[in-house]
Amino acid sequence: MLAEDVVIVGGGPAGLTAAYELAKRGSLATVLEADDVVGGISRTVERDGWRFDIGGHRFFTKVAPVEAFWHEVLPDEDFLLRPRKSRIFYKGKFYDYPLKASNALSNLGLLEALRCVASYVSARVRPPERQDMYEGWLVARFGWRLYNHFFKTYTEKVWGHPASEMPADWAAQRVKNLSLASAVINALLPKRNQKDITSLIEEFQYPRLGPGMMWERCQELCEAKGAKVLMRTKAVRVRHAGGLATSVVASHDGAETEYTSSAVVSSMPIASLVRAFDPPVPDAVRKAADDLYYRDFLTVALVVPEAAVPWDDNWIYIHDASVKTMRIQNFGSWSPYMVKEGRNVLGLEYTVEEGDEYWSADDAELVARGAAELGRLGLLDPSQVESGYVVRMPKAYPYYDLDYAANVDTIRAWIAENAANVYPVGRNGMHRYNNQDHSMYTAMLTVENLFGAEHDVWSVNVEEEYHEINAKSAQGTAPASAASGTGRDAPILPKRSML
């Protein structure tokens, strides 16, 4: 069918990709964005001339159409090729990531290293019973001491619940083919014998002014072709009749406007989409939506002297239970254009609950807490923090509990029967474990479907191989085609009601 009068809910990567792809085909969509800036969680925040990313967004993909899109929207000279470097910071020392046993044991010191080896031997003799769970899977491969040092704390900060309750697939994706024994053996053997150990990509592309540069330019190109991108305009109702959506009602500055629609491409959280349907959905579908949860995200960006940050990592993981921050971004290492001469910006990241103590604290208090945490970690003298900013991002990460897939299936089935021209896309729109490129690709395939294709958009990002991992034996080969898969599946987490 020819896609006319398409309403796109959300101006993040998925929504703007859909708008751009439609515009290239001569169909001009209306994009409704509730915020005053495009990009969603892939935006770049600018405060007083400082620019910082929300979470850190590397531009790396195995999907050729996404790669082509990036370079169609931004010229090559706007991309930097950046080395990937991230380490674990624990008890005043940096540890390689992915974890290398020889480096870890060396940093821990002889006595603790021996204890870790003894713990590993003990776990091999008496392995945990539940190796289908995150904790047991890792303990069986590293022993209790290394598990407690390098896996437990960070994971619990990110997801807000005990690591012992997480299934093993989350660990398997991040410690692929690695155990203490194999790591030590491969550290000693010649390089030619190390082909079975996987590693993360070593470099990535990054827009010189941050990822928001991509989406701000995409907005300009869409509008230049005649599409409408309406800011501070929130979709509040999706009207439907006869098995199809007929219009979207949006609110702007207290006034409501109705936009007729032949199709609705929605990247708003799928639970919010369900609540917006008018007439309302049945109780069972509403219950499925109400049973979907999210992790909210908060960044405290601190301006410091350039000389105060001697490490060149893009970010460091914080495995210290005495502080709440889980990861610290080093924006000067992402791009020198993000910071000012002689200064740097560190972004302390927190996963929180909207309305909790951290979310509700005023900005000055959070800046002070962030500076104090840097001091507690021994990374920086708090007196060197010159200024700071806080960015809150609600519903940043879908929460994947034991029932999320069934709940999403219930919602999908109802939409297919009652609003068949509504197309969820993107991470929140589909409640899927998507990276930026996955979100974009779901939008690309959806637009093709509007013009007669029959892609299964829900099959994007379901292969076993982790999105960023390349086998050493395969390094230097061309990226996998989209047909071979695009990424990783979600971890399965405990029910929130059980926590």
Protein backbone atom coordinates (compact mmCIF):
# COMPACT_ATOMS: atom_id res chain seq x y z
CA MET A 1 0.00 0.00 0.00
CA LEU A 2 1.06 3.61 -0.44
CA ALA A 3 1.80 5.02 2.99
CA GLU A 4 -0.04 8.32 3.40
CA ASP A 5 -1.07 10.19 6.56
CA VAL A 6 1.36 8.20 8.68
CA VAL A 7 1.63 9.36 12.27
CA ILE A 8 4.88 8.50 14.04
CA VAL A 9 4.86 8.60 17.82
CA GLY A 10 8.34 9.41 19.15
CA GLY A 11 11.31 11.28 17.72
CA GLY A 12 14.07 8.90 18.77
CA PRO A 13 16.20 6.73 16.46
CA ALA A 14 13.30 4.46 15.48
CA GLY A 15 10.77 7.23 14.92
CA LEU A 16 13.07 9.52 12.92
CA THR A 17 14.40 6.60 10.88
CA ALA A 18 10.82 5.75 9.91
CA ALA A 19 10.13 9.39 9.01
CA TYR A 20 13.29 9.63 6.91
CA GLU A 21 12.65 6.36 5.07
CA LEU A 22 9.06 7.41 4.35
CA ALA A 23 10.20 10.81 3.08
CA LYS A 24 12.62 9.14 0.66
CA ARG A 25 9.63 7.27 -0.77
CA GLY A 26 7.53 10.40 -1.11
CA SER A 27 5.33 9.83 1.95
CA LEU A 28 5.45 12.65 4.46
CA ALA A 29 4.75 11.63 8.03
CA THR A 30 3.87 13.63 11.12
CA VAL A 31 6.22 12.92 14.04
CA LEU A 32 4.89 13.59 17.54
CA GLU A 33 7.70 14.06 20.09
CA ALA A 34 6.78 14.75 23.71
CA ASP A 35 10.17 16.23 24.62
CA ASP A 36 11.82 19.42 23.39
CA VAL A 37 14.75 17.57 21.81
CA VAL A 38 14.94 14.66 19.39
CA GLY A 39 16.99 11.50 19.81
CA GLY A 40 15.33 9.84 22.80
CA ILE A 41 17.99 8.22 24.96
CA SER A 42 20.38 8.65 21.98
CA ARG A 43 20.26 12.44 22.30
CA THR A 44 23.20 14.63 23.20
CA VAL A 45 22.52 17.02 26.06
CA GLU A 46 24.09 20.47 25.86
CA ARG A 47 24.46 22.63 28.95
CA ASP A 48 26.48 25.84 28.99
CA GLY A 49 28.45 24.68 25.95
CA TRP A 50 29.25 21.24 27.40
CA ARG A 51 27.92 18.23 25.53
CA PHE A 52 27.36 14.80 27.01
CA ASP A 53 25.82 11.54 25.90
CA ILE A 54 23.12 9.66 27.81
CA GLY A 55 24.60 6.24 28.44
CA GLY A 56 27.29 6.27 25.75
CA HIS A 57 26.30 5.36 22.18
CA ARG A 58 28.87 3.74 19.98
CA PHE A 59 28.11 3.65 16.27
CA PHE A 60 28.87 0.05 15.40
CA THR A 61 26.54 -2.33 13.59
CA LYS A 62 26.38 -5.60 11.72
CA VAL A 63 23.38 -4.33 9.72
CA ALA A 64 24.48 -2.87 6.37
CA PRO A 65 21.35 -0.69 5.79
CA VAL A 66 21.87 0.98 9.16
CA GLU A 67 25.53 1.68 8.40
CA ALA A 68 24.48 3.21 5.07
CA PHE A 69 21.82 5.33 6.80
CA TRP A 70 24.33 6.82 9.23
CA HIS A 71 26.60 7.96 6.41
CA GLU A 72 23.72 9.19 4.32
CA VAL A 73 22.52 11.48 7.11
CA LEU A 74 25.95 12.68 8.26
CA PRO A 75 28.98 13.21 6.00
CA ASP A 76 32.04 11.08 6.69
CA GLU A 77 33.95 14.05 8.07
CA ASP A 78 31.46 14.32 10.94
CA PHE A 79 32.43 10.85 12.21
CA LEU A 80 35.41 10.11 14.39
CA LEU A 81 36.91 6.63 14.55
CA ARG A 82 37.43 6.07 18.25
CA PRO A 83 39.35 3.30 20.05
CA ARG A 84 37.16 1.24 22.34
CA LYS A 85 38.55 1.12 25.84
CA SER A 86 36.59 0.30 28.95
CA ARG A 87 37.82 -1.23 32.18
CA ILE A 88 36.57 -2.18 35.60
CA PHE A 89 37.65 0.07 38.47
CA TYR A 90 37.80 -1.82 41.73
CA LYS A 91 39.60 -0.97 44.97
CA GLY A 92 41.80 1.64 43.35
CA LYS A 93 42.94 -0.45 40.36
CA PHE A 94 41.90 -0.86 36.75
CA TYR A 95 41.02 -4.31 35.45
CA ASP A 96 40.74 -5.26 31.80
CA TYR A 97 37.28 -5.69 30.33
CA PRO A 98 36.46 -8.27 29.11
CA LEU A 99 38.00 -9.78 32.21
CA LYS A 100 41.43 -11.34 31.77
CA ALA A 101 42.40 -13.71 34.54
CA SER A 102 46.13 -12.92 34.42
CA ASN A 103 45.47 -9.17 34.74
CA ALA A 104 42.86 -9.67 37.47
CA LEU A 105 45.01 -11.99 39.56
CA SER A 106 48.03 -9.68 39.22
CA ASN A 107 46.04 -6.64 40.41
CA LEU A 108 44.54 -8.50 43.34
CA GLY A 109 47.95 -9.32 44.79
CA LEU A 110 49.58 -12.66 45.56
CA LEU A 111 47.59 -13.56 48.68
CA GLU A 112 44.18 -12.69 47.27
CA ALA A 113 45.12 -14.28 43.94
CA LEU A 114 45.87 -17.53 45.76
CA ARG A 115 42.58 -17.27 47.57
CA CYS A 116 40.79 -16.74 44.26
CA VAL A 117 42.50 -19.76 42.72
CA ALA A 118 41.59 -21.85 45.78
CA SER A 119 38.01 -20.62 45.51
CA TYR A 120 37.98 -21.58 41.84
CA VAL A 121 39.31 -25.09 42.60
CA SER A 122 36.68 -25.49 45.30
CA ALA A 123 33.93 -24.47 42.88
CA ARG A 124 35.22 -27.00 40.36
CA VAL A 125 35.18 -29.78 42.96
CA ARG A 126 31.79 -28.76 44.33
CA PRO A 127 30.09 -26.70 41.62
CA PRO A 128 26.91 -24.77 42.38
CA GLU A 129 23.72 -26.70 41.82
CA ARG A 130 21.92 -23.93 39.93
CA GLN A 131 24.18 -23.24 36.96
CA ASP A 132 21.10 -22.19 35.04
CA MET A 133 21.26 -19.01 37.15
CA TYR A 134 23.63 -16.04 36.73
CA GLU A 135 25.38 -16.56 40.04
CA GLY A 136 25.89 -20.32 39.72
CA TRP A 137 27.02 -20.10 36.10
CA LEU A 138 29.74 -17.58 36.94
CA VAL A 139 30.83 -19.20 40.19
CA ALA A 140 31.35 -22.50 38.36
CA ARG A 141 33.73 -20.73 35.94
CA PHE A 142 35.50 -18.29 38.28
CA GLY A 143 34.85 -19.33 41.87
CA TRP A 144 33.07 -17.37 44.56
CA ARG A 145 35.77 -14.80 45.25
CA LEU A 146 36.20 -13.57 41.67
CA TYR A 147 32.42 -13.63 41.24
CA ASN A 148 31.99 -11.37 44.27
CA HIS A 149 34.81 -9.09 43.10
CA PHE A 150 33.82 -8.60 39.47
CA PHE A 151 30.26 -9.64 38.67
CA LYS A 152 27.82 -9.35 41.55
CA THR A 153 27.86 -5.64 42.50
CA TYR A 154 27.65 -4.05 39.05
CA THR A 155 24.82 -6.31 37.92
CA GLU A 156 22.79 -5.56 41.02
CA LYS A 157 23.27 -1.83 40.51
CA VAL A 158 22.04 -2.01 36.92
CA TRP A 159 18.93 -4.12 37.48
CA GLY A 160 18.12 -3.35 41.10
CA HIS A 161 17.72 -6.88 42.41
CA PRO A 162 19.87 -9.76 43.69
CA ALA A 163 22.18 -11.27 41.07
CA SER A 164 21.42 -14.71 42.50
CA GLU A 165 17.93 -14.50 40.98
CA MET A 166 19.05 -13.83 37.39
CA PRO A 167 19.18 -16.63 34.81
CA ALA A 168 22.53 -17.59 33.32
CA ASP A 169 21.99 -16.26 29.78
CA TRP A 170 22.90 -12.72 30.92
CA ALA A 171 26.30 -13.93 32.10
CA ALA A 172 26.89 -16.19 29.11
CA GLN A 173 26.57 -13.25 26.70
CA ARG A 174 29.27 -11.27 28.50
CA VAL A 175 31.78 -13.94 29.45
CA LYS A 176 31.50 -15.98 26.27
CA ASN A 177 33.75 -19.09 26.13
CA LEU A 178 35.79 -17.86 29.08
CA SER A 179 36.71 -19.51 32.39
CA LEU A 180 39.54 -18.94 34.83
CA ALA A 181 41.38 -22.00 33.53
CA SER A 182 40.97 -21.16 29.84
CA ALA A 183 42.00 -17.54 30.42
CA VAL A 184 45.20 -18.51 32.23
CA ILE A 185 46.07 -21.14 29.61
CA ASN A 186 45.48 -18.72 26.75
CA ALA A 187 47.57 -16.06 28.48
CA LEU A 188 50.53 -18.46 28.37
CA LEU A 189 50.08 -20.14 24.99
CA PRO A 190 51.11 -18.62 21.65
CA LYS A 191 48.60 -16.33 19.97
CA ARG A 192 47.77 -18.93 17.34
CA ASN A 193 46.20 -21.13 20.01
CA GLN A 194 43.76 -18.46 21.23
CA LYS A 195 41.21 -18.50 18.43
CA ASP A 196 38.34 -19.83 20.53
CA ILE A 197 38.23 -16.87 22.92
CA THR A 198 35.96 -14.03 21.86
CA SER A 199 36.59 -10.32 22.34
CA LEU A 200 34.72 -7.05 21.98
CA ILE A 201 35.15 -4.74 19.02
CA GLU A 202 38.26 -2.57 19.30
CA GLU A 203 37.01 0.64 17.66
CA PHE A 204 33.80 2.35 16.71
CA GLN A 205 32.46 5.40 14.91
CA TYR A 206 31.15 8.38 16.83
CA PRO A 207 29.70 11.71 15.63
CA ARG A 208 32.09 14.46 16.64
CA LEU A 209 29.37 16.34 18.56
CA GLY A 210 27.73 13.24 20.01
CA PRO A 211 24.88 10.99 18.84
CA GLY A 212 22.35 13.80 19.03
CA MET A 213 24.12 15.31 16.05
CA MET A 214 22.80 12.41 13.96
CA TRP A 215 19.19 12.86 15.01
CA GLU A 216 19.19 16.65 14.89
CA ARG A 217 20.43 16.42 11.31
CA CYS A 218 17.90 13.68 10.51
CA GLN A 219 15.13 15.94 11.78
CA GLU A 220 16.37 18.75 9.51
CA LEU A 221 16.42 16.44 6.48
CA CYS A 222 12.92 15.12 7.20
CA GLU A 223 11.52 18.62 7.56
CA ALA A 224 13.33 19.78 4.41
CA LYS A 225 11.46 17.06 2.49
CA GLY A 226 8.14 18.24 3.95
CA ALA A 227 7.63 15.97 6.95
CA LYS A 228 6.43 17.51 10.22
CA VAL A 229 8.33 16.98 13.47
CA LEU A 230 6.24 18.45 16.27
CA MET A 231 8.08 19.02 19.55
CA ARG A 232 6.56 19.07 23.03
CA THR A 233 3.62 17.23 21.50
CA LYS A 234 2.51 14.15 23.41
CA ALA A 235 0.31 11.43 21.95
CA VAL A 236 -2.52 10.94 24.45
CA ARG A 237 -5.07 8.84 22.54
CA VAL A 238 -5.01 6.43 19.61
CA ARG A 239 -8.53 6.13 18.27
CA HIS A 240 -9.50 2.91 16.55
CA ALA A 241 -12.56 1.36 14.90
CA GLY A 242 -13.22 -1.62 12.68
CA GLY A 243 -9.88 -3.22 13.39
CA LEU A 244 -7.78 -0.18 12.47
CA ALA A 245 -6.44 2.95 14.10
CA THR A 246 -8.10 6.02 12.63
CA SER A 247 -6.34 8.94 14.31
CA VAL A 248 -3.95 10.04 17.04
CA VAL A 249 -4.87 12.79 19.49
CA ALA A 250 -1.88 14.77 20.77
CA SER A 251 -1.51 17.44 23.42
CA HIS A 252 0.65 20.55 23.01
CA ASP A 253 0.70 23.31 25.64
CA GLY A 254 -2.63 22.07 26.99
CA ALA A 255 -4.42 22.08 23.64
CA GLU A 256 -5.35 18.85 21.87
CA THR A 257 -5.13 18.21 18.12
CA GLU A 258 -6.35 15.14 16.25
CA TYR A 259 -4.25 13.73 13.40
CA THR A 260 -5.93 11.31 11.02
CA SER A 261 -3.78 8.30 10.21
CA SER A 262 -3.66 5.52 7.67
CA ALA A 263 -0.92 3.98 9.83
CA VAL A 264 0.66 4.65 13.23
CA VAL A 265 4.33 3.85 13.82
CA SER A 266 4.81 3.89 17.57
CA SER A 267 8.09 4.04 19.49
CA MET A 268 6.42 5.18 22.72
CA PRO A 269 6.61 2.59 25.52
CA ILE A 270 4.27 -0.20 24.47
CA ALA A 271 2.58 -0.11 27.88
CA SER A 272 1.77 3.58 27.33
CA LEU A 273 0.48 2.79 23.84
CA VAL A 274 -1.95 0.26 25.29
CA ARG A 275 -3.25 2.81 27.80
CA ALA A 276 -3.75 5.34 24.97
CA PHE A 277 -6.12 3.21 22.88
CA ASP A 278 -9.60 4.68 22.58
CA PRO A 279 -11.90 2.79 23.09
CA PRO A 280 -9.93 1.16 25.91
CA VAL A 281 -8.43 -2.30 25.56
CA PRO A 282 -9.91 -5.31 27.42
CA ASP A 283 -8.88 -5.87 31.02
CA ALA A 284 -6.54 -8.75 30.15
CA VAL A 285 -4.60 -6.59 27.70
CA ARG A 286 -4.46 -3.68 30.14
CA LYS A 287 -3.21 -6.07 32.82
CA ALA A 288 -0.43 -7.25 30.46
CA ALA A 289 0.60 -3.63 29.90
CA ASP A 290 0.50 -2.83 33.61
CA ASP A 291 2.80 -5.81 34.21
CA LEU A 292 5.60 -4.30 32.08
CA TYR A 293 8.23 -2.35 33.98
CA TYR A 294 11.16 -0.05 33.22
CA ARG A 295 14.44 1.09 34.76
CA ASP A 296 14.86 4.85 34.86
CA PHE A 297 18.22 6.48 34.27
CA LEU A 298 20.04 9.45 35.73
CA THR A 299 23.35 11.04 34.72
CA VAL A 300 25.34 13.44 36.88
CA ALA A 301 27.79 15.26 34.58
CA LEU A 302 30.73 16.86 36.39
CA VAL A 303 33.11 19.42 34.86
CA VAL A 304 36.70 18.84 35.98
CA PRO A 305 40.20 19.91 34.87
CA GLU A 306 41.51 17.82 31.99
CA ALA A 307 44.62 16.92 33.99
CA ALA A 308 42.46 15.47 36.78
CA VAL A 309 41.44 12.55 34.52
CA PRO A 310 44.58 10.56 33.70
CA TRP A 311 42.80 7.53 32.25
CA ASP A 312 41.75 7.43 28.59
CA ASP A 313 38.91 4.87 28.84
CA ASN A 314 35.63 5.80 27.18
CA TRP A 315 34.01 4.66 30.40
CA ILE A 316 34.81 2.61 33.47
CA TYR A 317 32.60 0.13 35.32
CA ILE A 318 32.37 0.72 39.07
CA HIS A 319 32.36 -2.53 41.05
CA ASP A 320 32.34 -0.89 44.45
CA ALA A 321 29.28 -1.37 46.66
CA SER A 322 30.11 1.73 48.72
CA VAL A 323 28.94 4.05 45.91
CA LYS A 324 25.72 4.03 43.92
CA THR A 325 27.15 5.03 40.56
CA MET A 326 27.52 2.01 38.29
CA ARG A 327 29.55 3.47 35.42
CA ILE A 328 31.50 6.66 34.72
CA GLN A 329 31.66 8.10 31.22
CA ASN A 330 34.77 10.01 30.15
CA PHE A 331 33.35 12.32 27.50
CA GLY A 332 36.70 13.76 26.48
CA SER A 333 37.65 10.26 25.29
CA TRP A 334 34.46 9.96 23.27
CA SER A 335 35.16 13.16 21.39
CA PRO A 336 37.37 16.17 22.10
CA TYR A 337 34.60 18.30 20.57
CA MET A 338 32.29 17.42 23.49
CA VAL A 339 34.42 19.31 26.01
CA LYS A 340 36.25 22.63 26.27
CA GLU A 341 39.98 23.17 26.13
CA GLY A 342 41.68 22.29 29.39
CA ARG A 343 38.52 20.73 30.83
CA ASN A 344 36.74 17.38 30.74
CA VAL A 345 33.29 16.10 31.72
CA LEU A 346 32.73 12.89 33.68
CA GLY A 347 29.26 11.37 33.53
CA LEU A 348 28.30 9.33 36.61
CA GLU A 349 25.47 6.97 35.70
CA TYR A 350 22.73 5.64 37.94
CA THR A 351 19.82 3.31 37.25
CA VAL A 352 17.02 4.42 39.55
CA GLU A 353 13.27 4.30 40.06
CA GLU A 354 11.29 7.37 39.05
CA GLY A 355 10.29 9.08 42.30
CA ASP A 356 12.93 7.42 44.48
CA GLU A 357 15.49 9.24 46.63
CA TYR A 358 17.95 9.87 43.82
CA TRP A 359 15.34 10.77 41.21
CA SER A 360 13.68 13.28 43.57
CA ALA A 361 16.84 14.88 44.96
CA ASP A 362 17.60 18.38 43.69
CA ASP A 363 20.40 18.83 41.18
CA ALA A 364 22.81 20.54 43.58
CA GLU A 365 22.53 17.63 46.01
CA LEU A 366 23.15 15.08 43.26
CA VAL A 367 26.19 16.99 42.00
CA ALA A 368 27.58 17.04 45.55
CA ARG A 369 26.91 13.31 45.95
CA GLY A 370 28.61 12.58 42.63
CA ALA A 371 31.69 14.56 43.59
CA ALA A 372 31.81 12.78 46.96
CA GLU A 373 31.60 9.39 45.25
CA LEU A 374 34.57 10.25 43.03
CA GLY A 375 36.48 11.09 46.19
CA ARG A 376 35.41 7.91 47.95
CA LEU A 377 36.59 5.87 44.98
CA GLY A 378 39.92 7.69 44.95
CA LEU A 379 39.44 8.75 41.34
CA LEU A 380 39.41 12.51 41.91
CA ASP A 381 39.56 15.10 44.68
CA PRO A 382 35.97 16.39 45.06
CA SER A 383 37.30 19.95 45.31
CA GLN A 384 38.35 19.68 41.65
CA VAL A 385 34.72 19.50 40.49
CA GLU A 386 34.02 22.93 39.03
CA SER A 387 30.34 22.54 38.12
CA GLY A 388 27.78 19.87 37.42
CA TYR A 389 24.53 19.05 35.65
CA VAL A 390 21.85 16.39 36.07
CA VAL A 391 19.83 14.68 33.36
CA ARG A 392 16.91 12.38 34.19
CA MET A 393 15.65 9.89 31.63
CA PRO A 394 12.41 8.07 32.55
CA LYS A 395 11.73 4.61 31.15
CA ALA A 396 15.24 4.38 29.73
CA TYR A 397 15.49 0.59 29.84
CA PRO A 398 12.68 -1.96 29.62
CA TYR A 399 12.73 -4.52 32.41
CA TYR A 400 12.67 -8.11 31.21
CA ASP A 401 11.05 -10.31 33.83
CA LEU A 402 9.82 -13.87 33.54
CA ASP A 403 6.47 -12.77 32.09
CA TYR A 404 7.47 -9.88 29.83
CA ALA A 405 7.48 -11.92 26.61
CA ALA A 406 4.01 -13.35 27.32
CA ASN A 407 2.72 -9.89 28.18
CA VAL A 408 4.10 -8.45 24.95
CA ASP A 409 2.58 -11.35 22.99
CA THR A 410 -0.83 -10.60 24.54
CA ILE A 411 -0.54 -6.97 23.48
CA ARG A 412 0.68 -7.86 19.99
CA ALA A 413 -2.21 -10.23 19.44
CA TRP A 414 -4.76 -7.59 20.44
CA ILE A 415 -3.17 -4.95 18.21
CA ALA A 416 -3.09 -7.33 15.24
CA GLU A 417 -6.83 -7.92 15.56
CA ASN A 418 -8.05 -4.50 16.66
CA ALA A 419 -5.53 -1.94 15.37
CA ALA A 420 -3.68 -3.75 12.62
CA ASN A 421 -2.21 -0.56 11.18
CA VAL A 422 -0.36 0.26 14.42
CA TYR A 423 3.28 -0.76 14.21
CA PRO A 424 5.42 -0.82 17.37
CA VAL A 425 9.12 -0.15 16.70
CA GLY A 426 12.28 0.44 18.72
CA ARG A 427 13.41 -0.57 22.20
CA ASN A 428 10.54 0.82 24.26
CA GLY A 429 8.02 0.53 21.47
CA MET A 430 8.53 -3.23 21.34
CA HIS A 431 9.82 -3.76 24.90
CA ARG A 432 12.80 -5.50 23.36
CA TYR A 433 16.49 -5.62 24.24
CA ASN A 434 17.50 -3.42 21.31
CA ASN A 435 20.55 -1.31 20.64
CA GLN A 436 20.26 1.88 18.60
CA ASP A 437 20.89 0.04 15.32
CA HIS A 438 18.30 -2.62 16.13
CA SER A 439 15.74 0.08 16.84
CA MET A 440 16.52 1.75 13.53
CA TYR A 441 16.28 -1.52 11.65
CA THR A 442 12.82 -2.30 13.05
CA ALA A 443 11.71 1.08 11.68
CA MET A 444 13.29 0.41 8.27
CA LEU A 445 11.55 -2.94 7.93
CA THR A 446 8.25 -1.44 9.09
CA VAL A 447 8.40 1.21 6.37
CA GLU A 448 9.09 -1.50 3.78
CA ASN A 449 6.05 -3.37 5.11
CA LEU A 450 3.93 -0.25 4.56
CA PHE A 451 4.86 -0.53 0.90
CA GLY A 452 3.98 -4.20 0.55
CA ALA A 453 6.85 -6.17 2.09
CA GLU A 454 6.15 -8.87 4.68
CA HIS A 455 9.07 -8.68 7.09
CA ASP A 456 8.77 -10.13 10.57
CA VAL A 457 9.95 -7.04 12.45
CA TRP A 458 9.82 -8.93 15.75
CA SER A 459 12.60 -11.26 14.57
CA VAL A 460 15.18 -8.45 14.65
CA ASN A 461 17.85 -9.04 17.31
CA VAL A 462 17.29 -12.68 18.21
CA GLU A 463 20.53 -14.40 17.22
CA GLU A 464 22.70 -16.05 19.86
CA GLU A 465 25.88 -14.10 19.10
CA TYR A 466 26.28 -10.97 21.20
CA HIS A 467 26.07 -7.82 19.11
CA GLU A 468 29.53 -6.46 19.91
CA ILE A 469 31.49 -9.69 20.02
CA ASN A 470 33.72 -10.89 17.21
CA ALA A 471 35.46 -14.24 17.35
CA LYS A 472 39.20 -13.73 17.02
CA SER A 473 39.29 -16.26 14.23
CA ALA A 474 36.79 -14.12 12.33
CA GLN A 475 38.27 -10.69 12.92
CA GLY A 476 38.80 -8.73 9.76
CA THR A 477 35.87 -10.32 7.95
CA ALA A 478 32.96 -8.30 6.64
CA PRO A 479 30.03 -7.59 8.96
CA ALA A 480 27.30 -10.18 9.02
CA SER A 481 24.35 -9.50 6.78
CA ALA A 482 21.01 -8.62 8.28
CA ALA A 483 19.72 -12.03 7.29
CA SER A 484 22.16 -13.72 9.64
CA GLY A 485 20.84 -11.86 12.68
CA THR A 486 21.53 -8.57 14.35
CA GLY A 487 22.28 -8.91 17.99
CA ARG A 488 21.34 -10.45 21.33
CA ASP A 489 18.30 -11.52 23.26
CA ALA A 490 17.25 -10.05 26.61
CA PRO A 491 18.20 -11.25 30.06
CA ILE A 492 15.31 -12.73 32.00
CA LEU A 493 14.84 -11.04 35.37
CA PRO A 494 12.74 -11.81 38.45
CA LYS A 495 9.23 -10.41 38.76
CA ARG A 496 9.25 -6.92 40.27
CA SER A 497 6.48 -8.03 42.66
CA MET A 498 8.88 -10.65 44.04
CA LEU A 499 11.57 -8.12 44.98
